[in-house]
Amino acid sequence: MPVHQVCTLLRAVARIGDQRQEHVAHLRTVEDQVEARAASTIDTVVTAFAASSSGGGKSISARRAASSG
């Protein structure tokens, strides 16, 4: 194989490696965003449930203790 073809091949492999690193970085960013949104949504749902429950936001164990005694 001629030297110029080897060099072209090596440049192509390096470019693929660079693109892979960019894709991995992008996927990590997206993963962080999804985790942040999920945490925010869970907090919102838990807060809304606690506010709408008959216990006025108290924990289940606190409601059980209040109702038993």
C-alpha atoms as a PDB file:
ATOM      1  CA  MET A   1       0.000   0.000   0.000  1.00  0.00           C
ATOM      2  CA  PRO A   2       1.444   3.387  -0.960  1.00  0.00           C
ATOM      3  CA  VAL A   3       2.446   5.781   1.816  1.00  0.00           C
ATOM      4  CA  HIS A   4      -0.095   8.444   0.802  1.00  0.00           C
ATOM      5  CA  GLN A   5      -2.947   5.909   1.111  1.00  0.00           C
ATOM      6  CA  VAL A   6      -1.731   4.900   4.564  1.00  0.00           C
ATOM      7  CA  CYS A   7      -1.619   8.573   5.605  1.00  0.00           C
ATOM      8  CA  THR A   8      -5.119   9.152   4.217  1.00  0.00           C
ATOM      9  CA  LEU A   9      -6.376   6.115   6.087  1.00  0.00           C
ATOM     10  CA  LEU A  10      -4.766   7.256   9.342  1.00  0.00           C
ATOM     11  CA  ARG A  11      -6.305  10.738   8.980  1.00  0.00           C
ATOM     12  CA  ALA A  12      -9.714   9.154   8.412  1.00  0.00           C
ATOM     13  CA  VAL A  13      -9.327   6.996  11.515  1.00  0.00           C
ATOM     14  CA  ALA A  14      -8.274  10.039  13.554  1.00  0.00           C
ATOM     15  CA  ARG A  15     -11.284  11.995  12.269  1.00  0.00           C
ATOM     16  CA  ILE A  16     -13.604   9.148  13.263  1.00  0.00           C
ATOM     17  CA  GLY A  17     -12.034   9.129  16.736  1.00  0.00           C
ATOM     18  CA  ASP A  18     -12.565  12.884  17.079  1.00  0.00           C
ATOM     19  CA  GLN A  19     -16.196  12.564  15.964  1.00  0.00           C
ATOM     20  CA  ARG A  20     -16.727   9.753  18.443  1.00  0.00           C
ATOM     21  CA  GLN A  21     -15.407  11.906  21.281  1.00  0.00           C
ATOM     22  CA  GLU A  22     -17.734  14.739  20.226  1.00  0.00           C
ATOM     23  CA  HIS A  23     -20.701  12.362  20.143  1.00  0.00           C
ATOM     24  CA  VAL A  24     -19.849  10.935  23.564  1.00  0.00           C
ATOM     25  CA  ALA A  25     -19.563  14.450  25.021  1.00  0.00           C
ATOM     26  CA  HIS A  26     -22.918  15.386  23.490  1.00  0.00           C
ATOM     27  CA  LEU A  27     -24.568  12.245  24.853  1.00  0.00           C
ATOM     28  CA  ARG A  28     -23.215  12.968  28.322  1.00  0.00           C
ATOM     29  CA  THR A  29     -24.652  16.483  28.133  1.00  0.00           C
ATOM     30  CA  VAL A  30     -28.028  15.108  27.061  1.00  0.00           C
ATOM     31  CA  GLU A  31     -27.890  12.506  29.830  1.00  0.00           C
ATOM     32  CA  ASP A  32     -27.217  15.229  32.427  1.00  0.00           C
ATOM     33  CA  GLN A  33     -30.135  17.276  31.083  1.00  0.00           C
ATOM     34  CA  VAL A  34     -32.484  14.282  31.200  1.00  0.00           C
ATOM     35  CA  GLU A  35     -31.427  13.460  34.771  1.00  0.00           C
ATOM     36  CA  ALA A  36     -31.967  17.078  35.853  1.00  0.00           C
ATOM     37  CA  ARG A  37     -35.421  17.187  34.245  1.00  0.00           C
ATOM     38  CA  ALA A  38     -36.373  13.860  35.801  1.00  0.00           C
ATOM     39  CA  ALA A  39     -35.282  15.031  39.247  1.00  0.00           C
ATOM     40  CA  SER A  40     -37.208  18.262  38.822  1.00  0.00           C
ATOM     41  CA  THR A  41     -40.314  16.402  37.682  1.00  0.00           C
ATOM     42  CA  ILE A  42     -40.101  13.959  40.584  1.00  0.00           C
ATOM     43  CA  ASP A  43     -39.730  16.844  43.042  1.00  0.00           C
ATOM     44  CA  THR A  44     -42.731  18.587  41.505  1.00  0.00           C
ATOM     45  CA  VAL A  45     -44.892  15.458  41.672  1.00  0.00           C
ATOM     46  CA  VAL A  46     -43.870  14.640  45.241  1.00  0.00           C
ATOM     47  CA  THR A  47     -44.486  18.230  46.371  1.00  0.00           C
ATOM     48  CA  ALA A  48     -47.871  18.337  44.642  1.00  0.00           C
ATOM     49  CA  PHE A  49     -48.876  15.008  46.138  1.00  0.00           C
ATOM     50  CA  ALA A  50     -47.788  16.046  49.608  1.00  0.00           C
ATOM     51  CA  ALA A  51     -49.686  19.329  49.339  1.00  0.00           C
ATOM     52  CA  SER A  52     -52.864  17.646  48.112  1.00  0.00           C
ATOM     53  CA  SER A  53     -52.824  14.760  50.557  1.00  0.00           C
ATOM     54  CA  SER A  54     -54.993  14.845  53.639  1.00  0.00           C
ATOM     55  CA  GLY A  55     -51.918  14.896  55.834  1.00  0.00           C
ATOM     56  CA  GLY A  56     -50.987  18.391  54.709  1.00  0.00           C
ATOM     57  CA  GLY A  57     -47.577  17.282  53.457  1.00  0.00           C
ATOM     58  CA  LYS A  58     -46.666  15.183  56.482  1.00  0.00           C
ATOM     59  CA  SER A  59     -44.825  11.954  55.960  1.00  0.00           C
ATOM     60  CA  ILE A  60     -46.746   8.692  56.061  1.00  0.00           C
ATOM     61  CA  SER A  61     -45.158   7.723  59.372  1.00  0.00           C
ATOM     62  CA  ALA A  62     -46.094  11.103  60.877  1.00  0.00           C
ATOM     63  CA  ARG A  63     -49.710  10.668  59.737  1.00  0.00           C
ATOM     64  CA  ARG A  64     -49.829   7.137  61.174  1.00  0.00           C
ATOM     65  CA  ALA A  65     -48.464   8.356  64.496  1.00  0.00           C
ATOM     66  CA  ALA A  66     -50.989  11.225  64.589  1.00  0.00           C
ATOM     67  CA  SER A  67     -53.921   8.950  63.750  1.00  0.00           C
ATOM     68  CA  SER A  68     -52.965   6.208  66.222  1.00  0.00           C
ATOM     69  CA  GLY A  69     -52.568   8.303  69.245  1.00  0.00           C
END
